[in-house]
Amino acid sequence: MAGKKAVVDASRLSGPEKAAVVLLSLGEDHMHLWQALDEEEIKELSSAMAGLGTVSSAVVEELLIEFVSGLSGSGAIMGSFEQTQRLLANFMPEEKVDGLMEEIRGPAGRTMWDKLGNVNEAVLANYLKNEYPQTVAVVLSKIKSEHAARVLGALPEDFALECVTRMLRMEPVQREILDKIEQTLRTEFMSNLARTSKRDSHEMMAEIFNNFDRQTESRFIAALEERNRESAERIRALMFVFEDLSKLDPGGVQTLLRAVEKDQLGLALKGSSDALREMFFSNMSERAAKIMREDMESMGPVRLKDVDAAQMSMVQAAKDLAAKGEIMLAGAGGDDELIY
């Protein structure tokens, strides 16, 4: 069998093939470059390298010039969490690397106070209730007022009132005290938060199940019930489905109606319960509800998968609005549970 023709045109090479040529030309003296790649990248490059065949010297030179020019011209690099961790491990003790990366994994924000603003109020209150009221007063004075209000509401009442009293009497806090509080929050709270806030597997599966069409969801739930009824029940309780929109208050319904396309609404309501359909109609003007009913009647029979898609789209719109704080959703797990 004849061998592959020599590559004489660099433009015919794919990105992985170009990278393979560069790595081959650098040789074994630069094997450390492979350590910066993840497993999938190594597989892709190895496959490209094995299938290259002969590459002309002119192409090699062209690609090396392209590589060096691109690097020096833009100075751009791309980092990732894993690459950063590998780099730090070369010169820092493992426990320090773990602590630093856990903090990076934690809530987003440039400063400690930004990060605290992205921590659930119940979680933050649970930590602060064991601190001195004066410390809590300082923390609450540094975060946004709306978040501070939610945290205060989640604290034991007597303790919260003591914190309010301290805040009312509080004078400017010395820099060294503020630094000490920040350091304590970083080492005692944020690092533990990163370790303990791994996503619950049932929550993850509930979100996946929410994206199934109705038949697939029913099939998986039924199969899971046979193997592990407890897990199936937990997933079902955590799922937020179209019928759960019935728990929206009138303001929430009207906000959602403004965010949803009218044709999608009609299609979604074709497959809803009578009670949910009437709830949406009652939050429209009489004329709008009449037009929507007529539009739904004129649709005739519709495919189940189209109804599922429309309902899924409305559920996602509701979740997006909830994430922005524009509506409040009560989850299937209970009227008091909030889903964001």
Protein backbone atom coordinates (compact mmCIF):
# COMPACT_ATOMS: atom_id res chain seq x y z
CA MET A 1 0.00 0.00 0.00
CA ALA A 2 1.42 3.40 -0.97
CA GLY A 3 2.27 5.82 1.83
CA LYS A 4 0.57 9.16 2.35
CA LYS A 5 1.63 12.02 0.14
CA ALA A 6 3.85 14.61 1.79
CA VAL A 7 2.01 17.65 3.16
CA VAL A 8 3.15 20.65 1.13
CA ASP A 9 0.30 23.11 1.88
CA ALA A 10 -0.18 24.32 5.47
CA SER A 11 -3.66 25.65 4.71
CA ARG A 12 -4.91 22.09 4.21
CA LEU A 13 -4.06 21.15 7.81
CA SER A 14 -6.61 21.28 10.61
CA GLY A 15 -5.91 23.06 13.89
CA PRO A 16 -4.93 19.86 15.75
CA GLU A 17 -2.70 18.84 12.83
CA LYS A 18 -0.92 22.20 12.89
CA ALA A 19 -0.39 21.85 16.65
CA ALA A 20 0.91 18.31 16.11
CA VAL A 21 3.47 19.58 13.56
CA VAL A 22 4.69 22.26 15.98
CA LEU A 23 5.02 19.77 18.87
CA LEU A 24 6.82 17.23 16.65
CA SER A 25 9.26 19.87 15.47
CA LEU A 26 10.03 20.94 19.05
CA GLY A 27 10.96 17.35 19.87
CA GLU A 28 11.40 15.47 23.14
CA ASP A 29 13.23 18.35 24.83
CA HIS A 30 9.90 20.12 25.21
CA MET A 31 7.73 17.23 26.44
CA HIS A 32 6.73 19.39 29.41
CA LEU A 33 4.33 21.18 27.06
CA TRP A 34 2.15 18.07 27.04
CA GLN A 35 1.62 18.46 30.78
CA ALA A 36 -0.45 21.58 30.13
CA LEU A 37 -2.97 19.58 28.08
CA ASP A 38 -5.98 17.70 29.38
CA GLU A 39 -6.73 14.09 28.42
CA GLU A 40 -9.06 14.93 25.53
CA GLU A 41 -6.56 17.39 24.04
CA ILE A 42 -3.78 14.78 24.27
CA LYS A 43 -5.98 12.21 22.52
CA GLU A 44 -6.87 14.65 19.73
CA LEU A 45 -3.27 15.74 19.20
CA SER A 46 -1.96 12.17 19.33
CA SER A 47 -4.48 11.07 16.72
CA ALA A 48 -3.56 14.00 14.47
CA MET A 49 0.14 13.31 14.95
CA ALA A 50 -0.16 9.62 14.12
CA GLY A 51 -1.96 10.38 10.87
CA LEU A 52 0.24 13.21 9.63
CA GLY A 53 2.65 11.33 7.44
CA THR A 54 5.48 13.39 5.93
CA VAL A 55 5.35 17.17 6.28
CA SER A 56 7.62 19.23 4.05
CA SER A 57 10.26 21.44 5.66
CA ALA A 58 8.63 24.50 4.07
CA VAL A 59 5.32 23.73 5.83
CA VAL A 60 7.10 23.14 9.15
CA GLU A 61 8.89 26.48 8.83
CA GLU A 62 5.66 28.27 7.88
CA LEU A 63 3.80 26.85 10.87
CA LEU A 64 6.59 27.68 13.32
CA ILE A 65 6.69 31.25 12.03
CA GLU A 66 2.88 31.42 12.31
CA PHE A 67 3.05 30.06 15.87
CA VAL A 68 5.77 32.49 17.04
CA SER A 69 4.17 35.46 15.25
CA GLY A 70 0.79 34.74 16.76
CA LEU A 71 2.22 34.44 20.27
CA SER A 72 4.37 37.57 20.08
CA GLY A 73 1.75 39.58 18.21
CA SER A 74 -1.14 39.21 20.62
CA GLY A 75 0.43 37.82 23.75
CA ALA A 76 -2.86 35.97 24.23
CA ILE A 77 -3.05 32.77 26.23
CA MET A 78 -5.98 30.69 27.43
CA GLY A 79 -6.15 29.40 30.96
CA SER A 80 -8.41 26.95 32.72
CA PHE A 81 -9.07 25.85 36.28
CA GLU A 82 -7.20 22.57 35.75
CA GLN A 83 -4.18 24.20 34.09
CA THR A 84 -3.93 26.75 36.90
CA GLN A 85 -4.01 23.99 39.51
CA ARG A 86 -1.27 22.04 37.71
CA LEU A 87 0.89 25.17 37.46
CA LEU A 88 0.54 26.08 41.13
CA ALA A 89 1.35 22.49 42.15
CA ASN A 90 4.85 22.97 40.74
CA PHE A 91 5.86 25.46 43.42
CA MET A 92 3.25 25.36 46.20
CA PRO A 93 2.44 22.68 48.82
CA GLU A 94 -0.58 20.57 47.90
CA GLU A 95 -2.72 21.76 50.83
CA LYS A 96 -2.13 25.42 49.92
CA VAL A 97 -2.99 24.76 46.29
CA ASP A 98 -6.22 23.01 47.35
CA GLY A 99 -7.17 25.90 49.64
CA LEU A 100 -6.52 28.51 46.97
CA MET A 101 -8.40 26.63 44.26
CA GLU A 102 -11.35 26.03 46.60
CA GLU A 103 -11.55 29.77 47.16
CA ILE A 104 -11.42 30.38 43.42
CA ARG A 105 -14.24 27.84 42.99
CA GLY A 106 -16.30 29.73 45.54
CA PRO A 107 -18.82 32.53 44.90
CA ALA A 108 -17.88 35.03 42.22
CA GLY A 109 -16.64 38.50 43.13
CA ARG A 110 -13.51 40.60 43.10
CA THR A 111 -13.49 41.35 46.84
CA MET A 112 -14.52 39.33 49.87
CA TRP A 113 -17.62 41.50 50.22
CA ASP A 114 -18.57 40.88 46.58
CA LYS A 115 -18.21 37.15 47.21
CA LEU A 116 -20.38 37.31 50.33
CA GLY A 117 -23.05 39.08 48.30
CA ASN A 118 -23.33 35.93 46.17
CA VAL A 119 -23.71 33.55 49.11
CA ASN A 120 -27.23 32.35 49.91
CA GLU A 121 -28.58 34.34 52.87
CA ALA A 122 -29.52 31.21 54.86
CA VAL A 123 -25.99 29.80 54.47
CA LEU A 124 -24.38 33.11 55.49
CA ALA A 125 -26.76 33.57 58.42
CA ASN A 126 -26.03 30.05 59.66
CA TYR A 127 -22.33 30.96 59.84
CA LEU A 128 -22.76 34.45 61.28
CA LYS A 129 -25.10 33.39 64.09
CA ASN A 130 -22.05 31.88 65.85
CA GLU A 131 -19.99 35.08 65.59
CA TYR A 132 -19.88 38.12 67.88
CA PRO A 133 -22.71 40.60 67.16
CA GLN A 134 -20.11 43.33 66.54
CA THR A 135 -18.42 41.19 63.88
CA VAL A 136 -21.77 40.47 62.24
CA ALA A 137 -22.58 44.19 62.32
CA VAL A 138 -19.35 44.94 60.42
CA VAL A 139 -20.05 42.22 57.84
CA LEU A 140 -23.64 43.37 57.26
CA SER A 141 -22.50 46.97 56.88
CA LYS A 142 -20.12 45.94 54.07
CA ILE A 143 -22.54 43.97 51.90
CA LYS A 144 -25.45 45.30 49.84
CA SER A 145 -28.42 46.48 51.88
CA GLU A 146 -30.95 44.14 50.22
CA HIS A 147 -28.72 41.13 50.94
CA ALA A 148 -28.08 42.32 54.51
CA ALA A 149 -31.85 42.56 55.02
CA ARG A 150 -32.33 38.92 53.93
CA VAL A 151 -29.49 37.75 56.17
CA LEU A 152 -30.92 39.61 59.17
CA GLY A 153 -34.29 38.03 58.50
CA ALA A 154 -32.67 34.58 58.58
CA LEU A 155 -30.87 35.17 61.92
CA PRO A 156 -32.46 34.38 65.31
CA GLU A 157 -34.57 37.42 66.21
CA ASP A 158 -32.85 38.44 69.47
CA PHE A 159 -29.42 38.04 67.90
CA ALA A 160 -30.50 40.00 64.81
CA LEU A 161 -31.79 42.88 66.98
CA GLU A 162 -28.48 42.97 68.86
CA CYS A 163 -26.66 43.21 65.49
CA VAL A 164 -28.98 46.04 64.39
CA THR A 165 -28.22 47.90 67.64
CA ARG A 166 -24.47 47.50 67.04
CA MET A 167 -24.85 48.74 63.47
CA LEU A 168 -26.71 51.85 64.66
CA ARG A 169 -23.88 52.70 67.10
CA MET A 170 -21.05 51.64 64.84
CA GLU A 171 -18.13 53.98 64.18
CA PRO A 172 -15.65 53.72 61.27
CA VAL A 173 -13.86 50.36 61.50
CA GLN A 174 -10.08 50.36 61.70
CA ARG A 175 -8.32 48.90 58.67
CA GLU A 176 -6.50 46.20 60.67
CA ILE A 177 -9.77 44.98 62.22
CA LEU A 178 -11.43 44.87 58.80
CA ASP A 179 -8.44 42.95 57.40
CA LYS A 180 -8.67 40.45 60.26
CA ILE A 181 -12.40 39.89 59.64
CA GLU A 182 -11.75 39.40 55.91
CA GLN A 183 -9.00 36.90 56.62
CA THR A 184 -11.23 34.95 59.02
CA LEU A 185 -14.04 34.86 56.47
CA ARG A 186 -11.60 33.67 53.80
CA THR A 187 -10.00 30.89 55.87
CA GLU A 188 -12.94 29.72 57.98
CA PHE A 189 -16.02 30.39 55.88
CA MET A 190 -15.18 30.57 52.18
CA SER A 191 -12.84 27.57 52.17
CA ASN A 192 -15.42 25.43 54.01
CA LEU A 193 -18.17 26.72 51.73
CA ALA A 194 -16.25 25.61 48.65
CA ARG A 195 -15.73 22.16 50.15
CA THR A 196 -19.34 21.67 51.22
CA SER A 197 -21.22 23.35 48.38
CA LYS A 198 -20.78 20.60 45.84
CA ARG A 199 -24.00 20.22 43.95
CA ASP A 200 -26.38 17.56 45.18
CA SER A 201 -26.59 14.75 42.62
CA HIS A 202 -30.39 14.58 42.93
CA GLU A 203 -30.66 18.31 42.12
CA MET A 204 -28.49 17.77 39.05
CA MET A 205 -30.63 14.84 37.89
CA ALA A 206 -33.85 16.78 38.53
CA GLU A 207 -32.59 19.51 36.19
CA ILE A 208 -31.72 16.90 33.56
CA PHE A 209 -35.15 15.28 33.93
CA ASN A 210 -36.75 18.72 33.52
CA ASN A 211 -35.25 18.82 30.03
CA PHE A 212 -36.65 15.44 28.97
CA ASP A 213 -39.77 15.30 26.87
CA ARG A 214 -42.78 13.91 28.72
CA GLN A 215 -42.48 10.32 27.48
CA THR A 216 -38.74 10.06 28.18
CA GLU A 217 -39.20 11.56 31.64
CA SER A 218 -41.96 9.07 32.49
CA ARG A 219 -39.88 6.17 31.20
CA PHE A 220 -36.82 7.09 33.27
CA ILE A 221 -38.80 7.85 36.43
CA ALA A 222 -40.65 4.53 36.16
CA ALA A 223 -37.42 2.60 35.61
CA LEU A 224 -35.70 4.40 38.49
CA GLU A 225 -38.63 3.69 40.81
CA GLU A 226 -38.08 -0.02 40.27
CA ARG A 227 -34.40 0.23 41.21
CA ASN A 228 -34.40 3.00 43.81
CA ARG A 229 -37.79 4.39 44.83
CA GLU A 230 -36.28 6.86 47.31
CA SER A 231 -34.07 8.49 44.66
CA ALA A 232 -36.97 8.64 42.19
CA GLU A 233 -39.14 10.39 44.78
CA ARG A 234 -36.39 12.89 45.63
CA ILE A 235 -35.85 13.73 41.98
CA ARG A 236 -39.59 14.13 41.40
CA ALA A 237 -39.83 16.44 44.43
CA LEU A 238 -36.95 18.60 43.16
CA MET A 239 -38.24 18.89 39.60
CA PHE A 240 -39.93 22.09 38.55
CA VAL A 241 -42.49 21.29 35.88
CA PHE A 242 -44.98 23.31 33.86
CA GLU A 243 -47.89 22.63 36.21
CA ASP A 244 -45.86 24.16 39.06
CA LEU A 245 -46.46 27.54 37.40
CA SER A 246 -49.88 27.36 39.06
CA LYS A 247 -48.11 28.46 42.28
CA LEU A 248 -47.17 31.84 40.80
CA ASP A 249 -48.86 34.90 42.30
CA PRO A 250 -50.84 37.17 39.92
CA GLY A 251 -47.91 39.57 39.55
CA GLY A 252 -45.62 36.69 38.65
CA VAL A 253 -48.07 35.35 36.07
CA GLN A 254 -48.35 38.76 34.39
CA THR A 255 -44.55 39.19 34.36
CA LEU A 256 -44.18 35.76 32.76
CA LEU A 257 -46.89 36.51 30.19
CA ARG A 258 -44.94 39.59 29.06
CA ALA A 259 -41.80 37.44 28.58
CA VAL A 260 -43.39 34.65 26.54
CA GLU A 261 -44.26 34.62 22.83
CA LYS A 262 -48.02 34.36 22.30
CA ASP A 263 -47.79 31.40 19.93
CA GLN A 264 -45.63 29.50 22.46
CA LEU A 265 -48.11 30.30 25.22
CA GLY A 266 -51.03 28.95 23.21
CA LEU A 267 -49.16 25.78 22.35
CA ALA A 268 -48.07 25.23 25.97
CA LEU A 269 -51.60 25.76 27.30
CA LYS A 270 -53.00 23.23 24.82
CA GLY A 271 -51.40 20.53 26.93
CA SER A 272 -52.04 22.01 30.39
CA SER A 273 -54.70 21.25 32.96
CA ASP A 274 -57.94 23.23 32.82
CA ALA A 275 -57.11 24.90 36.15
CA LEU A 276 -53.71 26.16 34.96
CA ARG A 277 -55.17 27.32 31.66
CA GLU A 278 -57.87 29.32 33.45
CA MET A 279 -55.29 30.83 35.79
CA PHE A 280 -53.39 32.28 32.82
CA PHE A 281 -56.60 33.45 31.14
CA SER A 282 -57.74 35.19 34.34
CA ASN A 283 -54.54 37.23 34.34
CA MET A 284 -55.13 38.52 30.80
CA SER A 285 -57.52 41.18 29.67
CA GLU A 286 -60.90 39.80 28.58
CA ARG A 287 -60.10 40.58 24.95
CA ALA A 288 -56.62 38.98 25.08
CA ALA A 289 -58.02 35.82 26.73
CA LYS A 290 -60.73 35.59 24.04
CA ILE A 291 -58.16 35.90 21.25
CA MET A 292 -55.92 33.29 22.89
CA ARG A 293 -58.81 30.81 23.18
CA GLU A 294 -59.68 31.33 19.53
CA ASP A 295 -56.03 30.90 18.49
CA MET A 296 -55.81 27.65 20.46
CA GLU A 297 -58.99 26.31 18.86
CA SER A 298 -57.73 27.17 15.38
CA MET A 299 -54.52 25.19 16.00
CA GLY A 300 -56.39 21.90 15.83
CA PRO A 301 -54.46 18.78 16.91
CA VAL A 302 -50.84 19.50 17.87
CA ARG A 303 -47.88 17.17 18.36
CA LEU A 304 -47.05 16.24 21.93
CA LYS A 305 -43.35 17.00 21.42
CA ASP A 306 -44.23 20.54 20.26
CA VAL A 307 -46.34 21.07 23.38
CA ASP A 308 -43.49 19.73 25.56
CA ALA A 309 -41.01 22.10 23.88
CA ALA A 310 -43.31 25.10 24.41
CA GLN A 311 -43.90 24.21 28.06
CA MET A 312 -40.17 23.67 28.63
CA SER A 313 -39.51 27.08 27.08
CA MET A 314 -42.00 28.71 29.48
CA VAL A 315 -40.49 26.95 32.49
CA GLN A 316 -37.03 28.15 31.47
CA ALA A 317 -38.34 31.70 31.01
CA ALA A 318 -39.83 31.53 34.52
CA LYS A 319 -36.52 30.31 35.96
CA ASP A 320 -34.65 33.13 34.19
CA LEU A 321 -37.05 35.69 35.65
CA ALA A 322 -36.67 34.15 39.10
CA ALA A 323 -32.87 34.32 38.81
CA LYS A 324 -33.20 38.06 38.11
CA GLY A 325 -35.48 38.45 41.15
CA GLU A 326 -38.45 39.51 39.02
CA ILE A 327 -40.71 36.62 40.10
CA MET A 328 -40.65 34.03 42.87
CA LEU A 329 -41.13 30.35 42.16
CA ALA A 330 -42.33 27.79 44.67
CA GLY A 331 -40.87 24.39 43.89
CA ALA A 332 -42.59 21.05 43.75
CA GLY A 333 -40.83 20.11 46.97
CA GLY A 334 -42.94 22.50 49.03
CA ASP A 335 -44.57 25.91 48.95
CA ASP A 336 -41.74 27.53 50.87
CA GLU A 337 -38.90 26.20 48.77
CA LEU A 338 -37.45 28.70 46.33
CA ILE A 339 -35.98 27.74 42.99
CA TYR A 340 -33.63 30.11 41.23
